[in-house]
Amino acid sequence: MGLSTQFLTLRKILDFCYKFFVINFPKYATPLCHCTLKSSSHPFIGVKRARVPFLRTELIPHTLKMPFLFPLHYSFPPFFTLQPNETTHSKQLALWRDLILKYHTENKIKTLILHDCPLWRNNDISRQLDRSAVDVVVADFVSSGYGEWEDEATKTRCRILWRKPKDLASDIYDWATTRGFINEVCTLFELHSGEDVEGTSFQGADEELLRRAIGILEDRGQATLFRGETSGEDGVKFL
């Protein structure tokens, strides 16, 4: 591993740790010192000053919110320029698909708004995808089955399929089996926001996506959907 790569890796680790403390312990994480990373045998390579937080460990809450950890290639400038080589271009689009899906899934974001997505720009390396590249990346994401246009005509909003409907249907039924919900009824609200679904792939899922997954279960003979007074009160009986 080259020296510049080592510094880049160390910088990402420091940034990740600081963001982790700031997000989870804003009252208890205070700057202790500032340091500038340099090498006696190598000129300064742009590693910015890092703040090291002081933490009162006795005040740490039990539930932690982890910040999103970007992959290393997100700090590689060519990643933000679509490559002309067909093989490289295909691999690059696959990396963008994985990043978009992982970022939105981990952060429980249901919709990608093309003009307001923070993924397109990495300020640390002063690189960003231009609009035409964004269109190509998102079009590939949708055609690969990981997203759907909410506005087909203008294509400015993309619904993120955290899991493909058939996979989500299997996840839901496995959960119902494990939790003893076979021959029991639960509401759609309980399926995406109930305490029993915490940590599942469908926690916080888009209601439309949930309905499609349940429709697949109905086709399989594994569930029946009952209409309630409101859409959130619609009930699902697992068979």
Protein backbone atom coordinates (compact mmCIF):
# COMPACT_ATOMS: atom_id res chain seq x y z
CA MET A 1 0.00 0.00 0.00
CA GLY A 2 1.46 3.36 -1.07
CA LEU A 3 2.00 6.22 1.35
CA SER A 4 -0.76 8.35 -0.18
CA THR A 5 -3.19 5.43 0.08
CA GLN A 6 -2.25 4.93 3.73
CA PHE A 7 -2.93 8.59 4.46
CA LEU A 8 -6.26 8.43 2.60
CA THR A 9 -7.31 5.35 4.57
CA LEU A 10 -6.31 6.97 7.88
CA ARG A 11 -8.21 10.09 6.96
CA LYS A 12 -11.38 8.08 6.22
CA ILE A 13 -11.06 6.27 9.55
CA LEU A 14 -10.66 9.56 11.45
CA ASP A 15 -13.59 11.15 9.58
CA PHE A 16 -15.78 8.12 10.24
CA CYS A 17 -14.97 8.07 13.97
CA TYR A 18 -15.59 11.79 14.36
CA LYS A 19 -18.92 11.64 12.49
CA PHE A 20 -19.94 8.65 14.61
CA PHE A 21 -19.36 10.55 17.85
CA VAL A 22 -20.93 13.78 16.62
CA ILE A 23 -24.09 12.01 15.41
CA ASN A 24 -24.56 9.87 18.51
CA PHE A 25 -23.12 12.06 21.25
CA PRO A 26 -23.47 15.71 20.20
CA LYS A 27 -23.57 16.85 23.82
CA TYR A 28 -20.63 14.81 24.96
CA ALA A 29 -18.20 14.83 22.03
CA THR A 30 -16.06 17.95 22.15
CA PRO A 31 -12.91 18.77 20.17
CA LEU A 32 -9.88 17.79 22.22
CA CYS A 33 -7.18 18.70 19.74
CA HIS A 34 -6.43 19.36 16.09
CA CYS A 35 -3.67 17.64 14.19
CA THR A 36 -2.29 17.90 10.69
CA LEU A 37 -1.06 14.65 9.18
CA LYS A 38 2.31 14.99 7.42
CA SER A 39 5.19 12.73 6.55
CA SER A 40 8.86 13.56 7.05
CA SER A 41 9.65 11.75 3.80
CA HIS A 42 6.65 12.91 1.79
CA PRO A 43 5.16 16.38 1.20
CA PHE A 44 1.75 17.25 2.55
CA ILE A 45 -0.75 15.35 0.41
CA GLY A 46 -3.94 17.16 1.33
CA VAL A 47 -5.02 15.28 4.44
CA LYS A 48 -7.12 17.80 6.29
CA ARG A 49 -6.93 18.52 9.99
CA ALA A 50 -8.81 16.00 12.09
CA ARG A 51 -10.67 16.70 15.31
CA VAL A 52 -10.31 14.03 17.99
CA PRO A 53 -13.38 13.95 20.24
CA PHE A 54 -13.36 13.60 24.00
CA LEU A 55 -16.11 11.29 25.16
CA ARG A 56 -17.79 10.86 28.53
CA THR A 57 -18.30 7.10 28.28
CA GLU A 58 -20.67 6.91 31.24
CA LEU A 59 -23.22 8.89 29.21
CA ILE A 60 -23.22 6.69 26.10
CA PRO A 61 -26.77 5.69 25.15
CA HIS A 62 -27.55 2.06 24.45
CA THR A 63 -28.91 2.68 20.93
CA LEU A 64 -26.31 3.95 18.45
CA LYS A 65 -26.86 5.38 14.99
CA MET A 66 -23.94 4.46 12.77
CA PRO A 67 -22.94 6.98 10.10
CA PHE A 68 -22.82 5.71 6.54
CA LEU A 69 -19.36 4.48 5.59
CA PHE A 70 -18.54 5.22 1.97
CA PRO A 71 -16.50 2.67 -0.01
CA LEU A 72 -12.90 3.51 -0.84
CA HIS A 73 -13.61 3.96 -4.55
CA TYR A 74 -15.88 6.90 -3.65
CA SER A 75 -12.65 8.84 -3.02
CA PHE A 76 -11.20 7.85 -6.41
CA PRO A 77 -11.65 10.83 -8.83
CA PRO A 78 -12.27 8.73 -11.99
CA PHE A 79 -15.31 7.22 -10.28
CA PHE A 80 -17.12 10.51 -11.00
CA THR A 81 -16.42 10.42 -14.75
CA LEU A 82 -18.11 7.77 -16.87
CA GLN A 83 -15.40 5.64 -18.43
CA PRO A 84 -15.35 5.03 -22.21
CA ASN A 85 -14.01 1.47 -22.03
CA GLU A 86 -17.00 -0.88 -22.18
CA THR A 87 -15.76 -3.31 -19.53
CA THR A 88 -14.71 -0.54 -17.15
CA HIS A 89 -17.96 1.34 -17.79
CA SER A 90 -20.01 -1.75 -16.89
CA LYS A 91 -18.10 -2.27 -13.64
CA GLN A 92 -18.42 1.41 -12.80
CA LEU A 93 -22.21 1.34 -13.20
CA ALA A 94 -22.36 -1.76 -10.99
CA LEU A 95 -20.44 0.12 -8.27
CA TRP A 96 -22.86 3.06 -8.54
CA ARG A 97 -25.85 0.69 -8.30
CA ASP A 98 -24.44 -0.86 -5.15
CA LEU A 99 -23.64 2.53 -3.59
CA ILE A 100 -27.06 4.05 -4.33
CA LEU A 101 -28.93 1.02 -2.99
CA LYS A 102 -26.77 0.66 0.13
CA TYR A 103 -26.87 4.39 0.96
CA HIS A 104 -30.65 4.67 0.66
CA THR A 105 -31.33 1.35 2.39
CA GLU A 106 -29.08 1.98 5.39
CA ASN A 107 -30.42 5.51 5.80
CA LYS A 108 -34.03 4.38 5.23
CA ILE A 109 -34.51 6.85 2.37
CA LYS A 110 -37.39 5.81 0.13
CA THR A 111 -36.96 8.20 -2.79
CA LEU A 112 -33.94 9.40 -4.76
CA ILE A 113 -34.45 12.97 -5.96
CA LEU A 114 -32.08 13.44 -8.88
CA HIS A 115 -31.31 17.12 -8.40
CA ASP A 116 -30.88 16.79 -4.63
CA CYS A 117 -28.88 13.60 -4.07
CA PRO A 118 -25.69 14.07 -2.00
CA LEU A 119 -24.02 11.06 -3.61
CA TRP A 120 -23.31 12.88 -6.86
CA ARG A 121 -20.66 15.11 -5.29
CA ASN A 122 -17.67 14.32 -3.09
CA ASN A 123 -16.46 17.62 -1.67
CA ASP A 124 -13.38 16.01 -0.13
CA ILE A 125 -11.89 15.42 -3.58
CA SER A 126 -13.82 18.19 -5.41
CA ARG A 127 -15.44 15.79 -7.86
CA GLN A 128 -19.02 15.34 -8.98
CA LEU A 129 -21.08 13.58 -11.62
CA ASP A 130 -22.42 15.90 -14.30
CA ARG A 131 -26.12 15.80 -15.11
CA SER A 132 -25.77 13.59 -18.16
CA ALA A 133 -23.77 11.06 -16.11
CA VAL A 134 -26.41 11.15 -13.35
CA ASP A 135 -29.07 10.33 -15.94
CA VAL A 136 -27.06 7.35 -17.19
CA VAL A 137 -26.35 6.05 -13.67
CA VAL A 138 -29.98 6.30 -12.50
CA ALA A 139 -31.35 4.87 -15.76
CA ASP A 140 -29.08 1.86 -15.26
CA PHE A 141 -30.20 1.60 -11.62
CA VAL A 142 -33.87 1.51 -12.69
CA SER A 143 -33.35 -0.89 -15.60
CA SER A 144 -31.53 -3.27 -13.25
CA GLY A 145 -34.68 -3.54 -11.12
CA TYR A 146 -33.52 -1.60 -8.06
CA GLY A 147 -35.66 1.48 -8.59
CA GLU A 148 -38.81 2.77 -10.28
CA TRP A 149 -39.69 6.19 -11.64
CA GLU A 150 -42.35 7.95 -9.60
CA ASP A 151 -42.73 10.44 -12.46
CA GLU A 152 -42.14 8.52 -15.68
CA ALA A 153 -42.59 11.61 -17.86
CA THR A 154 -40.04 13.91 -16.20
CA LYS A 155 -37.83 11.31 -14.45
CA THR A 156 -36.82 13.44 -11.48
CA ARG A 157 -37.86 11.09 -8.64
CA CYS A 158 -36.90 7.45 -8.30
CA ARG A 159 -38.49 5.10 -5.76
CA ILE A 160 -35.78 2.95 -4.20
CA LEU A 161 -36.61 -0.74 -3.98
CA TRP A 162 -34.65 -1.58 -0.84
CA ARG A 163 -35.44 -5.18 -1.73
CA LYS A 164 -37.03 -6.46 -4.91
CA PRO A 165 -40.73 -7.26 -4.29
CA LYS A 166 -40.31 -11.05 -4.58
CA ASP A 167 -37.38 -10.98 -2.14
CA LEU A 168 -39.29 -8.69 0.21
CA ALA A 169 -42.25 -11.07 0.09
CA SER A 170 -39.99 -13.94 1.19
CA ASP A 171 -38.51 -11.79 3.97
CA ILE A 172 -41.98 -10.90 5.27
CA TYR A 173 -43.20 -14.49 5.25
CA ASP A 174 -40.02 -15.75 6.94
CA TRP A 175 -40.54 -13.08 9.62
CA ALA A 176 -44.21 -14.06 10.07
CA THR A 177 -43.23 -17.71 10.43
CA THR A 178 -40.46 -16.99 12.92
CA ARG A 179 -42.62 -14.63 15.00
CA GLY A 180 -45.63 -16.95 15.08
CA PHE A 181 -47.93 -14.83 12.92
CA ILE A 182 -49.18 -17.72 10.77
CA ASN A 183 -53.02 -17.64 10.88
CA GLU A 184 -52.75 -14.28 12.65
CA VAL A 185 -53.54 -10.79 11.36
CA CYS A 186 -51.38 -7.65 11.52
CA THR A 187 -51.89 -4.24 9.93
CA LEU A 188 -49.80 -2.70 7.18
CA PHE A 189 -48.70 -0.05 9.67
CA GLU A 190 -47.40 -2.76 11.99
CA LEU A 191 -45.52 -4.31 9.07
CA HIS A 192 -43.50 -1.19 8.28
CA SER A 193 -43.48 0.66 11.62
CA GLY A 194 -44.29 -1.82 14.39
CA GLU A 195 -41.91 -2.76 17.18
CA ASP A 196 -41.81 -6.38 16.00
CA VAL A 197 -40.25 -5.48 12.64
CA GLU A 198 -37.29 -3.54 14.01
CA GLY A 199 -34.12 -4.54 12.17
CA THR A 200 -35.93 -6.25 9.29
CA SER A 201 -35.48 -5.47 5.60
CA PHE A 202 -39.01 -4.05 5.43
CA GLN A 203 -38.88 -1.76 8.48
CA GLY A 204 -39.89 1.69 7.22
CA ALA A 205 -40.53 0.34 3.72
CA ASP A 206 -42.64 2.24 1.21
CA GLU A 207 -46.29 1.18 1.60
CA GLU A 208 -46.72 0.67 -2.12
CA LEU A 209 -43.75 -1.70 -2.14
CA LEU A 210 -45.21 -3.58 0.84
CA ARG A 211 -48.53 -4.00 -0.96
CA ARG A 212 -46.80 -5.46 -3.98
CA ALA A 213 -44.87 -7.90 -1.77
CA ILE A 214 -48.10 -8.93 -0.05
CA GLY A 215 -49.72 -9.36 -3.48
CA ILE A 216 -46.96 -11.84 -4.31
CA LEU A 217 -47.70 -13.69 -1.06
CA GLU A 218 -51.38 -13.79 -2.03
CA ASP A 219 -50.45 -15.31 -5.39
CA ARG A 220 -48.39 -17.91 -3.52
CA GLY A 221 -51.33 -18.67 -1.23
CA GLN A 222 -49.39 -17.48 1.81
CA ALA A 223 -51.38 -14.38 2.78
CA THR A 224 -54.70 -12.57 2.42
CA LEU A 225 -55.12 -8.77 2.48
CA PHE A 226 -58.16 -7.31 4.27
CA ARG A 227 -59.30 -3.73 3.71
CA GLY A 228 -59.54 -1.45 6.74
CA GLU A 229 -61.05 2.00 7.21
CA THR A 230 -57.72 3.56 6.20
CA SER A 231 -54.85 2.20 4.12
CA GLY A 232 -52.68 1.92 7.23
CA GLU A 233 -55.35 -0.18 8.90
CA ASP A 234 -55.49 -2.72 6.07
CA GLY A 235 -54.79 -6.12 7.60
CA VAL A 236 -52.71 -9.05 6.42
CA LYS A 237 -53.45 -12.61 7.46
CA PHE A 238 -50.58 -15.01 6.94
CA LEU A 239 -51.56 -18.54 5.89
